[in-house]
PDB file of N, CA and C in Angstrom:
ATOM      1  N   MET A   1     -34.117-136.905 -28.648  1.00  0.00           N
ATOM      2  CA  MET A   1     -35.023-138.070 -29.739  1.00  0.00           C
ATOM      3  C   MET A   1     -36.169-138.128 -30.235  1.00  0.00           C
ATOM      4  N   LEU A   2     -36.253-137.531 -31.218  1.00  0.00           N
ATOM      5  CA  LEU A   2     -37.662-137.282 -32.120  1.00  0.00           C
ATOM      6  C   LEU A   2     -37.747-138.846 -32.868  1.00  0.00           C
ATOM      7  N   VAL A   3     -39.596-139.114 -32.511  1.00  0.00           N
ATOM      8  CA  VAL A   3     -39.879-140.330 -33.224  1.00  0.00           C
ATOM      9  C   VAL A   3     -40.802-140.298 -33.722  1.00  0.00           C
ATOM     10  N   ALA A   4     -40.899-140.822 -35.013  1.00  0.00           N
ATOM     11  CA  ALA A   4     -42.079-141.114 -35.982  1.00  0.00           C
ATOM     12  C   ALA A   4     -42.042-142.331 -36.869  1.00  0.00           C
ATOM     13  N   PHE A   5     -43.370-142.579 -37.838  1.00  0.00           N
ATOM     14  CA  PHE A   5     -42.963-143.010 -38.745  1.00  0.00           C
ATOM     15  C   PHE A   5     -42.671-142.960 -39.778  1.00  0.00           C
ATOM     16  N   ASP A   6     -42.291-141.763 -40.004  1.00  0.00           N
ATOM     17  CA  ASP A   6     -41.955-140.955 -41.234  1.00  0.00           C
ATOM     18  C   ASP A   6     -41.332-140.385 -41.341  1.00  0.00           C
ATOM     19  N   GLU A   7     -39.709-140.405 -41.866  1.00  0.00           N
ATOM     20  CA  GLU A   7     -38.480-140.561 -42.010  1.00  0.00           C
ATOM     21  C   GLU A   7     -38.606-138.866 -42.541  1.00  0.00           C
ATOM     22  N   LYS A   8     -39.242-138.557 -43.327  1.00  0.00           N
ATOM     23  CA  LYS A   8     -39.019-137.355 -43.917  1.00  0.00           C
ATOM     24  C   LYS A   8     -39.529-136.122 -42.849  1.00  0.00           C
ATOM     25  N   SER A   9     -40.701-136.758 -42.356  1.00  0.00           N
ATOM     26  CA  SER A   9     -41.028-135.539 -41.089  1.00  0.00           C
ATOM     27  C   SER A   9     -40.117-135.207 -40.491  1.00  0.00           C
ATOM     28  N   LEU A  10     -39.241-136.614 -39.723  1.00  0.00           N
ATOM     29  CA  LEU A  10     -38.201-136.263 -38.681  1.00  0.00           C
ATOM     30  C   LEU A  10     -37.142-135.440 -38.966  1.00  0.00           C
ATOM     31  N   LYS A  11     -36.544-135.518 -40.082  1.00  0.00           N
ATOM     32  CA  LYS A  11     -35.738-135.037 -41.156  1.00  0.00           C
ATOM     33  C   LYS A  11     -35.917-133.420 -41.527  1.00  0.00           C
ATOM     34  N   ASP A  12     -37.602-133.063 -41.334  1.00  0.00           N
ATOM     35  CA  ASP A  12     -37.571-131.873 -42.221  1.00  0.00           C
ATOM     36  C   ASP A  12     -37.969-131.320 -40.007  1.00  0.00           C
ATOM     37  N   ALA A  13     -38.194-131.846 -39.026  1.00  0.00           N
ATOM     38  CA  ALA A  13     -38.354-131.318 -37.953  1.00  0.00           C
ATOM     39  C   ALA A  13     -36.736-131.056 -37.263  1.00  0.00           C
ATOM     40  N   ILE A  14     -35.879-131.812 -37.827  1.00  0.00           N
ATOM     41  CA  ILE A  14     -34.768-131.502 -37.082  1.00  0.00           C
ATOM     42  C   ILE A  14     -33.961-130.406 -37.670  1.00  0.00           C
ATOM     43  N   ALA A  15     -34.446-130.190 -39.122  1.00  0.00           N
ATOM     44  CA  ALA A  15     -33.591-128.986 -39.595  1.00  0.00           C
ATOM     45  C   ALA A  15     -33.936-127.897 -39.443  1.00  0.00           C
ATOM     46  N   GLU A  16     -35.608-127.701 -38.986  1.00  0.00           N
ATOM     47  CA  GLU A  16     -36.053-126.455 -38.204  1.00  0.00           C
ATOM     48  C   GLU A  16     -35.572-126.335 -36.909  1.00  0.00           C
ATOM     49  N   LEU A  17     -35.379-126.940 -35.859  1.00  0.00           N
ATOM     50  CA  LEU A  17     -34.714-126.832 -34.770  1.00  0.00           C
ATOM     51  C   LEU A  17     -33.017-126.518 -34.725  1.00  0.00           C
ATOM     52  N   VAL A  18     -32.585-125.404 -34.210  1.00  0.00           N
ATOM     53  CA  VAL A  18     -31.238-124.598 -33.759  1.00  0.00           C
ATOM     54  C   VAL A  18     -31.331-125.297 -32.186  1.00  0.00           C
ATOM     55  N   ALA A  19     -30.661-126.731 -32.497  1.00  0.00           N
ATOM     56  CA  ALA A  19     -29.670-127.569 -31.779  1.00  0.00           C
ATOM     57  C   ALA A  19     -28.976-128.316 -32.552  1.00  0.00           C
ATOM     58  N   ASN A  20     -27.879-128.527 -31.436  1.00  0.00           N
ATOM     59  CA  ASN A  20     -27.095-129.592 -31.894  1.00  0.00           C
ATOM     60  C   ASN A  20     -26.943-131.223 -31.585  1.00  0.00           C
ATOM     61  N   ASN A  21     -27.734-131.426 -30.531  1.00  0.00           N
ATOM     62  CA  ASN A  21     -27.298-132.764 -29.420  1.00  0.00           C
ATOM     63  C   ASN A  21     -29.109-133.384 -30.209  1.00  0.00           C
ATOM     64  N   VAL A  22     -29.445-133.260 -31.343  1.00  0.00           N
ATOM     65  CA  VAL A  22     -31.081-133.523 -31.312  1.00  0.00           C
ATOM     66  C   VAL A  22     -30.805-135.419 -32.593  1.00  0.00           C
ATOM     67  N   ASN A  23     -31.347-136.173 -32.385  1.00  0.00           N
ATOM     68  CA  ASN A  23     -31.457-137.373 -33.033  1.00  0.00           C
ATOM     69  C   ASN A  23     -32.808-137.829 -33.146  1.00  0.00           C
ATOM     70  N   TYR A  24     -33.150-138.489 -34.313  1.00  0.00           N
ATOM     71  CA  TYR A  24     -34.701-139.298 -34.731  1.00  0.00           C
ATOM     72  C   TYR A  24     -34.268-140.658 -34.801  1.00  0.00           C
ATOM     73  N   CYS A  25     -35.472-141.670 -34.432  1.00  0.00           N
ATOM     74  CA  CYS A  25     -35.618-142.441 -34.994  1.00  0.00           C
ATOM     75  C   CYS A  25     -36.957-142.819 -35.461  1.00  0.00           C
ATOM     76  N   VAL A  26     -37.190-143.953 -36.444  1.00  0.00           N
ATOM     77  CA  VAL A  26     -38.367-143.752 -37.433  1.00  0.00           C
ATOM     78  C   VAL A  26     -39.029-145.512 -36.673  1.00  0.00           C
ATOM     79  N   ALA A  27     -39.683-145.655 -36.391  1.00  0.00           N
ATOM     80  CA  ALA A  27     -40.301-146.073 -35.296  1.00  0.00           C
ATOM     81  C   ALA A  27     -42.141-146.177 -35.308  1.00  0.00           C
ATOM     82  N   ASP A  28     -42.775-147.581 -34.806  1.00  0.00           N
ATOM     83  CA  ASP A  28     -44.103-147.214 -34.730  1.00  0.00           C
ATOM     84  C   ASP A  28     -44.436-147.443 -33.058  1.00  0.00           C
ATOM     85  N   VAL A  29     -45.161-146.996 -32.820  1.00  0.00           N
ATOM     86  CA  VAL A  29     -45.175-146.382 -31.313  1.00  0.00           C
ATOM     87  C   VAL A  29     -46.243-147.540 -30.681  1.00  0.00           C
ATOM     88  N   THR A  30     -46.618-148.217 -31.721  1.00  0.00           N
ATOM     89  CA  THR A  30     -47.757-149.397 -31.521  1.00  0.00           C
ATOM     90  C   THR A  30     -47.354-150.998 -31.336  1.00  0.00           C
ATOM     91  N   LYS A  31     -45.571-150.814 -31.866  1.00  0.00           N
ATOM     92  CA  LYS A  31     -44.838-152.205 -31.960  1.00  0.00           C
ATOM     93  C   LYS A  31     -43.605-152.080 -31.009  1.00  0.00           C
ATOM     94  N   SER A  32     -44.259-153.115 -29.716  1.00  0.00           N
ATOM     95  CA  SER A  32     -43.429-152.861 -28.680  1.00  0.00           C
ATOM     96  C   SER A  32     -41.741-153.043 -29.333  1.00  0.00           C
ATOM     97  N   ASP A  33     -41.432-153.701 -30.077  1.00  0.00           N
ATOM     98  CA  ASP A  33     -39.958-153.791 -30.578  1.00  0.00           C
ATOM     99  C   ASP A  33     -39.537-152.559 -30.796  1.00  0.00           C
ATOM    100  N   ASP A  34     -40.549-151.534 -31.632  1.00  0.00           N
ATOM    101  CA  ASP A  34     -39.712-150.407 -32.033  1.00  0.00           C
ATOM    102  C   ASP A  34     -39.390-149.730 -31.279  1.00  0.00           C
ATOM    103  N   VAL A  35     -40.464-149.525 -30.147  1.00  0.00           N
ATOM    104  CA  VAL A  35     -40.447-148.988 -28.884  1.00  0.00           C
ATOM    105  C   VAL A  35     -39.443-149.111 -28.298  1.00  0.00           C
ATOM    106  N   HIS A  36     -39.020-150.218 -27.775  1.00  0.00           N
ATOM    107  CA  HIS A  36     -37.836-150.769 -27.102  1.00  0.00           C
ATOM    108  C   HIS A  36     -36.465-150.750 -27.781  1.00  0.00           C
ATOM    109  N   ARG A  37     -36.407-150.573 -29.207  1.00  0.00           N
ATOM    110  CA  ARG A  37     -35.277-150.009 -29.480  1.00  0.00           C
ATOM    111  C   ARG A  37     -34.997-148.867 -29.876  1.00  0.00           C
ATOM    112  N   TYR A  38     -35.859-147.727 -29.788  1.00  0.00           N
ATOM    113  CA  TYR A  38     -35.451-146.492 -29.548  1.00  0.00           C
ATOM    114  C   TYR A  38     -35.307-145.728 -28.264  1.00  0.00           C
ATOM    115  N   ILE A  39     -36.078-146.359 -27.375  1.00  0.00           N
ATOM    116  CA  ILE A  39     -35.853-146.294 -25.990  1.00  0.00           C
ATOM    117  C   ILE A  39     -34.665-146.543 -25.779  1.00  0.00           C
ATOM    118  N   ASN A  40     -33.834-147.524 -26.053  1.00  0.00           N
ATOM    119  CA  ASN A  40     -32.377-148.025 -25.777  1.00  0.00           C
ATOM    120  C   ASN A  40     -30.750-147.084 -26.510  1.00  0.00           C
ATOM    121  N   GLU A  41     -31.749-146.972 -27.871  1.00  0.00           N
ATOM    122  CA  GLU A  41     -31.016-146.015 -28.296  1.00  0.00           C
ATOM    123  C   GLU A  41     -30.951-144.372 -27.942  1.00  0.00           C
ATOM    124  N   ALA A  42     -32.082-143.996 -27.409  1.00  0.00           N
ATOM    125  CA  ALA A  42     -31.645-142.949 -26.637  1.00  0.00           C
ATOM    126  C   ALA A  42     -31.140-142.798 -25.483  1.00  0.00           C
ATOM    127  N   ALA A  43     -31.448-144.126 -24.651  1.00  0.00           N
ATOM    128  CA  ALA A  43     -30.599-143.965 -23.699  1.00  0.00           C
ATOM    129  C   ALA A  43     -29.076-144.221 -23.462  1.00  0.00           C
ATOM    130  N   LYS A  44     -28.762-145.073 -25.026  1.00  0.00           N
ATOM    131  CA  LYS A  44     -27.499-145.340 -25.066  1.00  0.00           C
ATOM    132  C   LYS A  44     -26.663-143.625 -25.713  1.00  0.00           C
ATOM    133  N   LEU A  45     -27.365-142.993 -26.666  1.00  0.00           N
ATOM    134  CA  LEU A  45     -26.917-141.312 -27.110  1.00  0.00           C
ATOM    135  C   LEU A  45     -26.783-140.584 -25.630  1.00  0.00           C
ATOM    136  N   PHE A  46     -27.821-140.375 -24.763  1.00  0.00           N
ATOM    137  CA  PHE A  46     -27.530-139.311 -23.757  1.00  0.00           C
ATOM    138  C   PHE A  46     -27.686-139.972 -22.284  1.00  0.00           C
ATOM    139  N   THR A  47     -26.977-139.224 -21.724  1.00  0.00           N
ATOM    140  CA  THR A  47     -26.318-140.221 -20.298  1.00  0.00           C
ATOM    141  C   THR A  47     -27.624-139.521 -19.171  1.00  0.00           C
ATOM    142  N   LYS A  48     -28.639-138.578 -19.614  1.00  0.00           N
ATOM    143  CA  LYS A  48     -29.666-138.252 -18.709  1.00  0.00           C
ATOM    144  C   LYS A  48     -30.675-137.886 -19.327  1.00  0.00           C
ATOM    145  N   VAL A  49     -32.086-138.518 -18.587  1.00  0.00           N
ATOM    146  CA  VAL A  49     -33.207-138.114 -19.303  1.00  0.00           C
ATOM    147  C   VAL A  49     -33.739-137.115 -18.470  1.00  0.00           C
ATOM    148  N   ASP A  50     -33.872-135.729 -19.313  1.00  0.00           N
ATOM    149  CA  ASP A  50     -34.363-134.488 -17.889  1.00  0.00           C
ATOM    150  C   ASP A  50     -35.499-134.512 -17.765  1.00  0.00           C
ATOM    151  N   VAL A  51     -36.244-134.684 -19.180  1.00  0.00           N
ATOM    152  CA  VAL A  51     -37.743-134.614 -19.198  1.00  0.00           C
ATOM    153  C   VAL A  51     -38.424-135.391 -20.286  1.00  0.00           C
ATOM    154  N   PHE A  52     -39.456-136.253 -20.085  1.00  0.00           N
ATOM    155  CA  PHE A  52     -39.797-136.893 -21.414  1.00  0.00           C
ATOM    156  C   PHE A  52     -41.402-136.410 -21.924  1.00  0.00           C
ATOM    157  N   PHE A  53     -40.991-136.187 -23.327  1.00  0.00           N
ATOM    158  CA  PHE A  53     -42.257-135.551 -23.718  1.00  0.00           C
ATOM    159  C   PHE A  53     -42.720-136.794 -24.787  1.00  0.00           C
ATOM    160  N   ASN A  54     -44.077-137.584 -23.955  1.00  0.00           N
ATOM    161  CA  ASN A  54     -44.939-138.475 -24.783  1.00  0.00           C
ATOM    162  C   ASN A  54     -45.794-138.427 -25.482  1.00  0.00           C
ATOM    163  N   ASN A  55     -46.311-137.647 -27.075  1.00  0.00           N
ATOM    164  CA  ASN A  55     -46.835-136.932 -26.867  1.00  0.00           C
ATOM    165  C   ASN A  55     -47.220-138.200 -28.613  1.00  0.00           C
ATOM    166  N   ALA A  56     -47.208-139.380 -28.732  1.00  0.00           N
ATOM    167  CA  ALA A  56     -48.011-139.896 -29.848  1.00  0.00           C
ATOM    168  C   ALA A  56     -49.262-139.558 -29.702  1.00  0.00           C
ATOM    169  N   GLY A  57     -49.289-139.303 -31.310  1.00  0.00           N
ATOM    170  CA  GLY A  57     -51.528-139.366 -31.439  1.00  0.00           C
ATOM    171  C   GLY A  57     -51.938-139.261 -32.888  1.00  0.00           C
ATOM    172  N   ILE A  58     -52.626-139.950 -33.066  1.00  0.00           N
ATOM    173  CA  ILE A  58     -53.614-139.524 -34.498  1.00  0.00           C
ATOM    174  C   ILE A  58     -55.270-138.993 -34.133  1.00  0.00           C
ATOM    175  N   GLU A  59     -55.589-138.745 -34.800  1.00  0.00           N
ATOM    176  CA  GLU A  59     -56.612-138.332 -34.898  1.00  0.00           C
ATOM    177  C   GLU A  59     -58.019-139.140 -35.549  1.00  0.00           C
ATOM    178  N   GLY A  60     -57.527-139.824 -36.601  1.00  0.00           N
ATOM    179  CA  GLY A  60     -59.021-140.748 -37.372  1.00  0.00           C
ATOM    180  C   GLY A  60     -59.616-139.947 -37.740  1.00  0.00           C
ATOM    181  N   ALA A  61     -60.539-140.436 -37.946  1.00  0.00           N
ATOM    182  CA  ALA A  61     -61.711-139.889 -39.205  1.00  0.00           C
ATOM    183  C   ALA A  61     -62.763-138.836 -37.743  1.00  0.00           C
ATOM    184  N   VAL A  62     -63.216-137.962 -38.722  1.00  0.00           N
ATOM    185  CA  VAL A  62     -64.231-137.007 -38.289  1.00  0.00           C
ATOM    186  C   VAL A  62     -65.476-137.207 -39.096  1.00  0.00           C
ATOM    187  N   THR A  63     -66.486-138.406 -37.730  1.00  0.00           N
ATOM    188  CA  THR A  63     -68.017-138.918 -38.359  1.00  0.00           C
ATOM    189  C   THR A  63     -68.939-139.303 -37.239  1.00  0.00           C
ATOM    190  N   PRO A  64     -69.566-139.297 -37.621  1.00  0.00           N
ATOM    191  CA  PRO A  64     -70.887-140.199 -36.636  1.00  0.00           C
ATOM    192  C   PRO A  64     -70.172-140.962 -35.923  1.00  0.00           C
ATOM    193  N   VAL A  65     -70.604-141.806 -35.055  1.00  0.00           N
ATOM    194  CA  VAL A  65     -69.977-142.710 -33.977  1.00  0.00           C
ATOM    195  C   VAL A  65     -70.946-143.655 -34.610  1.00  0.00           C
ATOM    196  N   ALA A  66     -72.129-143.861 -35.045  1.00  0.00           N
ATOM    197  CA  ALA A  66     -72.883-144.985 -35.595  1.00  0.00           C
ATOM    198  C   ALA A  66     -72.293-145.301 -37.224  1.00  0.00           C
ATOM    199  N   ASP A  67     -71.252-144.337 -37.914  1.00  0.00           N
ATOM    200  CA  ASP A  67     -70.675-144.473 -38.756  1.00  0.00           C
ATOM    201  C   ASP A  67     -69.256-144.511 -38.817  1.00  0.00           C
ATOM    202  N   TYR A  68     -68.886-144.656 -37.841  1.00  0.00           N
ATOM    203  CA  TYR A  68     -66.906-144.638 -37.655  1.00  0.00           C
ATOM    204  C   TYR A  68     -66.468-146.270 -38.081  1.00  0.00           C
ATOM    205  N   PRO A  69     -65.611-146.097 -38.568  1.00  0.00           N
ATOM    206  CA  PRO A  69     -65.258-147.372 -39.038  1.00  0.00           C
ATOM    207  C   PRO A  69     -64.299-147.911 -37.988  1.00  0.00           C
ATOM    208  N   GLU A  70     -64.396-149.446 -37.471  1.00  0.00           N
ATOM    209  CA  GLU A  70     -64.081-149.944 -37.069  1.00  0.00           C
ATOM    210  C   GLU A  70     -62.290-149.627 -36.585  1.00  0.00           C
ATOM    211  N   GLU A  71     -62.006-150.054 -38.131  1.00  0.00           N
ATOM    212  CA  GLU A  71     -60.278-150.532 -38.229  1.00  0.00           C
ATOM    213  C   GLU A  71     -59.922-148.954 -38.156  1.00  0.00           C
ATOM    214  N   ILE A  72     -60.761-147.599 -38.009  1.00  0.00           N
ATOM    215  CA  ILE A  72     -59.784-146.486 -37.585  1.00  0.00           C
ATOM    216  C   ILE A  72     -60.011-146.759 -36.389  1.00  0.00           C
ATOM    217  N   PHE A  73     -60.929-146.470 -35.513  1.00  0.00           N
ATOM    218  CA  PHE A  73     -61.369-146.375 -33.905  1.00  0.00           C
ATOM    219  C   PHE A  73     -59.986-147.761 -33.676  1.00  0.00           C
ATOM    220  N   ASP A  74     -59.289-148.617 -34.144  1.00  0.00           N
ATOM    221  CA  ASP A  74     -59.045-149.753 -33.185  1.00  0.00           C
ATOM    222  C   ASP A  74     -57.352-149.100 -33.879  1.00  0.00           C
ATOM    223  N   LYS A  75     -56.776-148.628 -34.660  1.00  0.00           N
ATOM    224  CA  LYS A  75     -55.625-147.743 -35.205  1.00  0.00           C
ATOM    225  C   LYS A  75     -55.679-146.309 -34.086  1.00  0.00           C
ATOM    226  N   VAL A  76     -56.646-145.479 -34.228  1.00  0.00           N
ATOM    227  CA  VAL A  76     -56.435-144.524 -33.019  1.00  0.00           C
ATOM    228  C   VAL A  76     -56.019-144.989 -31.791  1.00  0.00           C
ATOM    229  N   MET A  77     -56.956-146.298 -31.058  1.00  0.00           N
ATOM    230  CA  MET A  77     -56.665-146.689 -30.034  1.00  0.00           C
ATOM    231  C   MET A  77     -55.176-147.038 -29.620  1.00  0.00           C
ATOM    232  N   ALA A  78     -54.469-148.015 -30.815  1.00  0.00           N
ATOM    233  CA  ALA A  78     -53.708-148.544 -30.834  1.00  0.00           C
ATOM    234  C   ALA A  78     -52.313-146.929 -30.566  1.00  0.00           C
ATOM    235  N   VAL A  79     -52.322-146.069 -31.189  1.00  0.00           N
ATOM    236  CA  VAL A  79     -51.498-145.441 -31.060  1.00  0.00           C
ATOM    237  C   VAL A  79     -51.446-144.028 -29.590  1.00  0.00           C
ATOM    238  N   ASN A  80     -53.092-143.724 -29.749  1.00  0.00           N
ATOM    239  CA  ASN A  80     -52.887-142.891 -28.625  1.00  0.00           C
ATOM    240  C   ASN A  80     -53.407-143.162 -27.181  1.00  0.00           C
ATOM    241  N   VAL A  81     -53.448-144.508 -27.357  1.00  0.00           N
ATOM    242  CA  VAL A  81     -53.603-145.324 -25.876  1.00  0.00           C
ATOM    243  C   VAL A  81     -52.731-146.510 -25.378  1.00  0.00           C
ATOM    244  N   TRP A  82     -52.383-147.295 -26.450  1.00  0.00           N
ATOM    245  CA  TRP A  82     -51.688-148.440 -26.621  1.00  0.00           C
ATOM    246  C   TRP A  82     -50.050-147.727 -26.744  1.00  0.00           C
ATOM    247  N   GLY A  83     -49.679-146.675 -27.036  1.00  0.00           N
ATOM    248  CA  GLY A  83     -48.566-146.408 -27.428  1.00  0.00           C
ATOM    249  C   GLY A  83     -48.065-145.056 -26.527  1.00  0.00           C
ATOM    250  N   VAL A  84     -48.908-145.066 -26.206  1.00  0.00           N
ATOM    251  CA  VAL A  84     -48.591-143.899 -24.827  1.00  0.00           C
ATOM    252  C   VAL A  84     -48.330-144.343 -23.704  1.00  0.00           C
ATOM    253  N   TRP A  85     -48.985-145.502 -23.203  1.00  0.00           N
ATOM    254  CA  TRP A  85     -48.421-146.846 -22.202  1.00  0.00           C
ATOM    255  C   TRP A  85     -47.437-147.244 -22.654  1.00  0.00           C
ATOM    256  N   LEU A  86     -46.973-147.646 -23.849  1.00  0.00           N
ATOM    257  CA  LEU A  86     -46.088-148.898 -24.125  1.00  0.00           C
ATOM    258  C   LEU A  86     -44.660-147.736 -23.980  1.00  0.00           C
ATOM    259  N   VAL A  87     -44.550-146.712 -24.367  1.00  0.00           N
ATOM    260  CA  VAL A  87     -43.497-145.552 -24.779  1.00  0.00           C
ATOM    261  C   VAL A  87     -43.611-145.443 -23.001  1.00  0.00           C
ATOM    262  N   SER A  88     -44.177-145.085 -22.270  1.00  0.00           N
ATOM    263  CA  SER A  88     -43.869-144.550 -20.720  1.00  0.00           C
ATOM    264  C   SER A  88     -43.713-145.885 -19.906  1.00  0.00           C
ATOM    265  N   LYS A  89     -44.017-147.063 -20.388  1.00  0.00           N
ATOM    266  CA  LYS A  89     -43.382-148.520 -19.773  1.00  0.00           C
ATOM    267  C   LYS A  89     -41.846-148.747 -20.108  1.00  0.00           C
ATOM    268  N   TYR A  90     -41.406-148.445 -21.048  1.00  0.00           N
ATOM    269  CA  TYR A  90     -40.056-148.436 -21.740  1.00  0.00           C
ATOM    270  C   TYR A  90     -39.423-147.881 -21.082  1.00  0.00           C
ATOM    271  N   MET A  91     -39.545-146.290 -20.684  1.00  0.00           N
ATOM    272  CA  MET A  91     -38.864-145.349 -20.269  1.00  0.00           C
ATOM    273  C   MET A  91     -38.986-145.417 -18.841  1.00  0.00           C
ATOM    274  N   ALA A  92     -39.576-145.647 -18.384  1.00  0.00           N
ATOM    275  CA  ALA A  92     -40.027-146.391 -16.643  1.00  0.00           C
ATOM    276  C   ALA A  92     -38.843-147.062 -16.473  1.00  0.00           C
ATOM    277  N   GLN A  93     -38.671-148.160 -17.443  1.00  0.00           N
ATOM    278  CA  GLN A  93     -38.089-149.234 -17.023  1.00  0.00           C
ATOM    279  C   GLN A  93     -36.369-148.699 -17.190  1.00  0.00           C
ATOM    280  N   ILE A  94     -35.810-147.933 -18.070  1.00  0.00           N
ATOM    281  CA  ILE A  94     -34.754-147.364 -18.304  1.00  0.00           C
ATOM    282  C   ILE A  94     -34.394-146.262 -17.073  1.00  0.00           C
ATOM    283  N   CYS A  95     -35.253-145.580 -16.714  1.00  0.00           N
ATOM    284  CA  CYS A  95     -35.007-144.245 -15.394  1.00  0.00           C
ATOM    285  C   CYS A  95     -35.092-145.433 -14.139  1.00  0.00           C
ATOM    286  N   GLY A  96     -35.745-146.341 -14.143  1.00  0.00           N
ATOM    287  CA  GLY A  96     -35.578-147.201 -12.957  1.00  0.00           C
ATOM    288  C   GLY A  96     -34.147-148.235 -12.720  1.00  0.00           C
ATOM    289  N   THR A  97     -33.429-148.070 -13.866  1.00  0.00           N
ATOM    290  CA  THR A  97     -32.164-148.683 -13.621  1.00  0.00           C
ATOM    291  C   THR A  97     -30.932-147.547 -13.704  1.00  0.00           C
ATOM    292  N   ARG A  98     -31.824-145.946 -13.809  1.00  0.00           N
ATOM    293  CA  ARG A  98     -30.416-145.387 -13.564  1.00  0.00           C
ATOM    294  C   ARG A  98     -30.549-144.397 -12.393  1.00  0.00           C
ATOM    295  N   ARG A  99     -29.893-144.100 -11.422  1.00  0.00           N
ATOM    296  CA  ARG A  99     -29.594-143.074 -10.668  1.00  0.00           C
ATOM    297  C   ARG A  99     -29.520-141.863 -11.190  1.00  0.00           C
ATOM    298  N   ASN A 100     -29.094-141.460 -11.938  1.00  0.00           N
ATOM    299  CA  ASN A 100     -28.809-140.063 -12.253  1.00  0.00           C
ATOM    300  C   ASN A 100     -30.388-139.598 -13.473  1.00  0.00           C
ATOM    301  N   CYS A 101     -31.434-140.620 -13.520  1.00  0.00           N
ATOM    302  CA  CYS A 101     -32.964-140.234 -14.252  1.00  0.00           C
ATOM    303  C   CYS A 101     -33.853-139.770 -13.565  1.00  0.00           C
ATOM    304  N   GLN A 102     -33.818-138.648 -13.130  1.00  0.00           N
ATOM    305  CA  GLN A 102     -34.967-137.738 -12.944  1.00  0.00           C
ATOM    306  C   GLN A 102     -36.092-137.188 -14.107  1.00  0.00           C
ATOM    307  N   THR A 103     -36.740-138.229 -14.230  1.00  0.00           N
ATOM    308  CA  THR A 103     -37.208-137.641 -15.598  1.00  0.00           C
ATOM    309  C   THR A 103     -38.824-137.031 -14.948  1.00  0.00           C
ATOM    310  N   GLY A 104     -39.378-135.899 -15.911  1.00  0.00           N
ATOM    311  CA  GLY A 104     -40.474-135.546 -15.884  1.00  0.00           C
ATOM    312  C   GLY A 104     -40.782-136.176 -16.696  1.00  0.00           C
ATOM    313  N   PHE A 105     -42.402-136.707 -16.875  1.00  0.00           N
ATOM    314  CA  PHE A 105     -43.168-137.576 -17.758  1.00  0.00           C
ATOM    315  C   PHE A 105     -44.037-136.307 -18.167  1.00  0.00           C
ATOM    316  N   ILE A 106     -44.058-136.038 -19.209  1.00  0.00           N
ATOM    317  CA  ILE A 106     -45.491-135.659 -20.101  1.00  0.00           C
ATOM    318  C   ILE A 106     -45.971-136.227 -20.976  1.00  0.00           C
ATOM    319  N   SER A 107     -47.350-136.861 -20.639  1.00  0.00           N
ATOM    320  CA  SER A 107     -48.025-136.948 -21.614  1.00  0.00           C
ATOM    321  C   SER A 107     -49.025-136.572 -22.070  1.00  0.00           C
ATOM    322  N   CYS A 108     -49.462-136.319 -23.283  1.00  0.00           N
ATOM    323  CA  CYS A 108     -50.263-135.675 -23.711  1.00  0.00           C
ATOM    324  C   CYS A 108     -50.933-136.022 -24.855  1.00  0.00           C
ATOM    325  N   ARG A 109     -52.093-135.412 -25.376  1.00  0.00           N
ATOM    326  CA  ARG A 109     -52.733-135.803 -26.948  1.00  0.00           C
ATOM    327  C   ARG A 109     -53.450-134.977 -27.305  1.00  0.00           C
TER     328      ARG A 109
END
């Protein structure tokens, strides 16, 4: 299951993959409802999760700290920290309810 907030980038990524069992979901990883929805969609589509690659992240601005806009910092933290945690939380809940879920979590940014 590929996830991003831009549907075009998801469709482009799927077109480049050589696989038949790939799906996507448009979602914002900073929103609990979106994350819960796509984790549940993935759980319905796939009977087992072997590896979960949690790679949510954005770069933000490249500027001195003294000049860094607070709203950009808030967005970077929301995606890179909150989003990664939120996705891990809901995936762990799904795996906790399934005996066949021997998931290897990979979280990076």
